[in-house]
Amino acid sequence: MTLRFNDFEISAVHQGDAWKICNYCIANSDRLKRFFPLTLQQNLNPTLSQLFVDKKIKQFRNNEEFLFTLKHSKTRKLAGLIYIKELNWDAKQGEYAYCIDYNLKGKGLMSEAIAELNKYAFNSLGLETLQIITHKDNIASANVAKNNNFVWQKTLLNEYTPLGETPLDMELYELYNI
């Protein structure tokens, strides 16, 4: 499965991605440490990244969690990671988590990627509800939700606790396949 738009493509994580994910995580460690600490910890060196990729491929095959890479089509450089996680197959619901390379922030790239993945999630995976949970100060992430017609539902009190911080309230956005 590969989704293409502009000069970028979205693909399921695969064996050849370990080095790219390691490099991406190290280069973006300041951006990942607060909201993606586990992804960062699991990709601090190439050996850890290979274990991470092996695990994510298995989870993808088992429909437990879906990790996608966002790459520049020509250079093959990793531009971002997108998860569909917290899957509830009975409710046909999943949650997005995404991060973009610091060099590409603010260009609308993640909004376009999520638009493409929404079609895949609804049509191929059969999900009926997609969620984005973001902190109120993460304006870029809230804009991804709004740009894709996700609707704010509520504030989730003490929903997420970053390492070494007090719990944070998070904002829940949802999109329905009607």
Protein backbone atom coordinates (compact mmCIF):
# COMPACT_ATOMS: atom_id res chain seq x y z
CA MET A 1 0.00 0.00 0.00
CA THR A 2 1.43 3.34 -1.06
CA LEU A 3 -0.49 6.61 -1.13
CA ARG A 4 0.98 9.46 -3.16
CA PHE A 5 0.39 13.22 -3.13
CA ASN A 6 2.52 16.05 -4.48
CA ASP A 7 6.17 14.94 -4.08
CA PHE A 8 5.49 12.66 -1.09
CA GLU A 9 4.27 9.17 -0.39
CA ILE A 10 2.84 7.30 2.56
CA SER A 11 3.70 3.62 3.03
CA ALA A 12 3.38 0.95 5.66
CA VAL A 13 6.57 0.62 7.68
CA HIS A 14 8.92 -2.04 6.20
CA GLN A 15 12.29 -3.67 6.93
CA GLY A 16 14.29 -1.08 4.99
CA ASP A 17 13.01 1.76 7.18
CA ALA A 18 15.05 1.09 10.35
CA TRP A 19 18.05 3.30 9.53
CA LYS A 20 15.82 6.10 8.24
CA ILE A 21 13.66 6.00 11.36
CA CYS A 22 16.75 6.02 13.59
CA ASN A 23 18.19 9.03 11.76
CA TYR A 24 14.81 10.80 11.82
CA CYS A 25 14.35 10.25 15.56
CA ILE A 26 17.86 11.44 16.43
CA ALA A 27 17.54 14.54 14.23
CA ASN A 28 14.11 15.33 15.71
CA SER A 29 14.75 14.25 19.30
CA ASP A 30 13.84 17.67 20.72
CA ARG A 31 10.48 17.51 18.90
CA LEU A 32 9.80 13.89 19.92
CA LYS A 33 10.87 13.81 23.57
CA ARG A 34 7.67 15.27 25.04
CA PHE A 35 4.89 13.52 23.11
CA PHE A 36 6.72 10.60 21.45
CA PRO A 37 9.13 9.50 24.21
CA LEU A 38 8.69 5.77 23.56
CA THR A 39 9.26 6.14 19.83
CA LEU A 40 12.39 8.13 20.60
CA GLN A 41 13.69 5.65 23.21
CA GLN A 42 13.13 2.75 20.83
CA ASN A 43 15.11 4.41 18.03
CA LEU A 44 18.27 5.75 19.67
CA ASN A 45 20.54 3.49 17.61
CA PRO A 46 20.22 1.29 14.50
CA THR A 47 19.89 -1.95 16.48
CA LEU A 48 17.01 -0.57 18.54
CA SER A 49 15.41 0.81 15.38
CA GLN A 50 15.51 -2.60 13.71
CA LEU A 51 13.77 -4.14 16.73
CA PHE A 52 11.23 -1.30 16.64
CA VAL A 53 10.53 -1.84 12.92
CA ASP A 54 10.21 -5.62 13.39
CA LYS A 55 7.66 -5.04 16.16
CA LYS A 56 5.70 -2.47 14.15
CA ILE A 57 5.57 -4.73 11.07
CA LYS A 58 4.17 -7.53 13.23
CA GLN A 59 1.60 -5.18 14.79
CA PHE A 60 0.62 -3.96 11.30
CA ARG A 61 0.11 -7.53 10.04
CA ASN A 62 -1.96 -8.37 13.14
CA ASN A 63 -4.12 -5.22 12.80
CA GLU A 64 -3.00 -4.09 16.28
CA GLU A 65 -1.43 -0.76 15.28
CA PHE A 66 -0.49 0.78 11.96
CA LEU A 67 2.72 2.74 11.49
CA PHE A 68 3.20 4.62 8.24
CA THR A 69 6.21 6.48 6.95
CA LEU A 70 5.93 9.74 5.08
CA LYS A 71 8.79 10.11 2.60
CA HIS A 72 9.85 12.43 -0.16
CA SER A 73 9.25 10.44 -3.35
CA LYS A 74 12.51 11.33 -5.08
CA THR A 75 15.04 11.58 -2.25
CA ARG A 76 13.39 8.83 -0.11
CA LYS A 77 14.13 11.01 2.93
CA LEU A 78 11.83 10.34 5.86
CA ALA A 79 9.63 13.38 6.45
CA GLY A 80 7.40 12.03 9.19
CA LEU A 81 5.75 9.15 11.00
CA ILE A 82 2.03 8.53 11.29
CA TYR A 83 0.40 5.99 13.59
CA ILE A 84 -3.14 4.71 13.61
CA LYS A 85 -3.29 3.34 17.14
CA GLU A 86 -5.63 2.65 20.05
CA LEU A 87 -7.70 0.55 17.67
CA ASN A 88 -11.10 -0.64 18.85
CA TRP A 89 -12.37 -2.97 16.16
CA ASP A 90 -15.77 -3.43 17.86
CA ALA A 91 -16.38 0.32 17.78
CA LYS A 92 -14.48 0.64 14.46
CA GLN A 93 -12.39 3.43 15.94
CA GLY A 94 -8.73 4.44 15.77
CA GLU A 95 -6.55 7.34 16.89
CA TYR A 96 -3.89 9.19 14.91
CA ALA A 97 -0.52 10.17 16.27
CA TYR A 98 1.91 11.95 13.94
CA CYS A 99 5.15 13.84 13.86
CA ILE A 100 6.86 15.81 11.10
CA ASP A 101 10.52 16.59 10.49
CA TYR A 102 11.55 19.94 11.94
CA ASN A 103 12.58 21.12 8.45
CA LEU A 104 9.04 20.59 7.13
CA LYS A 105 6.88 21.97 9.93
CA GLY A 106 4.27 24.53 9.03
CA LYS A 107 4.02 23.59 5.35
CA GLY A 108 0.67 21.75 5.55
CA LEU A 109 2.29 18.45 4.69
CA MET A 110 0.81 16.52 7.61
CA SER A 111 -2.66 17.86 6.84
CA GLU A 112 -2.36 16.46 3.32
CA ALA A 113 -1.00 13.14 4.59
CA ILE A 114 -3.87 12.75 7.06
CA ALA A 115 -6.38 13.53 4.29
CA GLU A 116 -4.96 10.65 2.26
CA LEU A 117 -4.88 8.29 5.25
CA ASN A 118 -8.48 9.16 6.18
CA LYS A 119 -9.63 7.62 2.89
CA TYR A 120 -7.51 4.52 3.55
CA ALA A 121 -8.70 4.20 7.17
CA PHE A 122 -12.36 4.46 6.19
CA ASN A 123 -12.34 2.52 2.91
CA SER A 124 -9.67 -0.14 3.43
CA LEU A 125 -9.57 -0.62 7.20
CA GLY A 126 -13.30 -0.13 7.70
CA LEU A 127 -12.92 2.32 10.56
CA GLU A 128 -15.89 4.60 11.22
CA THR A 129 -14.39 7.02 13.76
CA LEU A 130 -10.95 8.58 13.68
CA GLN A 131 -9.56 10.57 16.59
CA ILE A 132 -6.82 13.12 17.10
CA ILE A 133 -5.84 13.94 20.68
CA THR A 134 -3.60 16.97 21.05
CA HIS A 135 -2.51 19.49 23.64
CA LYS A 136 -4.16 22.92 23.35
CA ASP A 137 -0.74 24.56 22.86
CA ASN A 138 0.04 22.33 19.87
CA ILE A 139 -1.63 24.65 17.38
CA ALA A 140 -0.12 22.84 14.39
CA SER A 141 -1.65 19.52 15.43
CA ALA A 142 -5.02 21.13 16.13
CA ASN A 143 -4.83 22.68 12.65
CA VAL A 144 -4.23 19.24 11.12
CA ALA A 145 -7.46 18.11 12.78
CA LYS A 146 -9.41 21.20 11.70
CA ASN A 147 -8.01 21.14 8.15
CA ASN A 148 -9.39 17.60 7.83
CA ASN A 149 -12.85 18.41 9.23
CA PHE A 150 -12.29 16.71 12.57
CA VAL A 151 -14.65 18.22 15.13
CA TRP A 152 -13.60 19.15 18.65
CA GLN A 153 -15.45 16.91 21.12
CA LYS A 154 -14.15 17.69 24.61
CA THR A 155 -11.19 18.32 26.86
CA LEU A 156 -9.78 15.13 28.36
CA LEU A 157 -8.65 15.99 31.87
CA ASN A 158 -5.20 14.73 32.95
CA GLU A 159 -5.10 12.59 29.80
CA TYR A 160 -1.35 12.49 29.19
CA THR A 161 1.68 12.81 31.42
CA PRO A 162 4.99 13.69 29.71
CA LEU A 163 8.12 12.35 31.39
CA GLY A 164 8.96 14.44 34.44
CA GLU A 165 5.88 16.67 34.11
CA THR A 166 2.47 16.93 35.70
CA PRO A 167 -0.52 15.46 33.82
CA LEU A 168 -1.80 17.51 30.89
CA ASP A 169 -5.34 18.09 29.70
CA MET A 170 -5.70 17.14 26.05
CA GLU A 171 -8.21 18.08 23.36
CA LEU A 172 -10.18 15.35 21.57
CA TYR A 173 -11.15 15.78 17.91
CA GLU A 174 -13.12 13.22 15.92
CA LEU A 175 -14.00 12.52 12.30
CA TYR A 176 -16.81 10.16 11.33
CA ASN A 177 -17.29 8.17 8.15
CA ILE A 178 -20.94 8.92 7.53
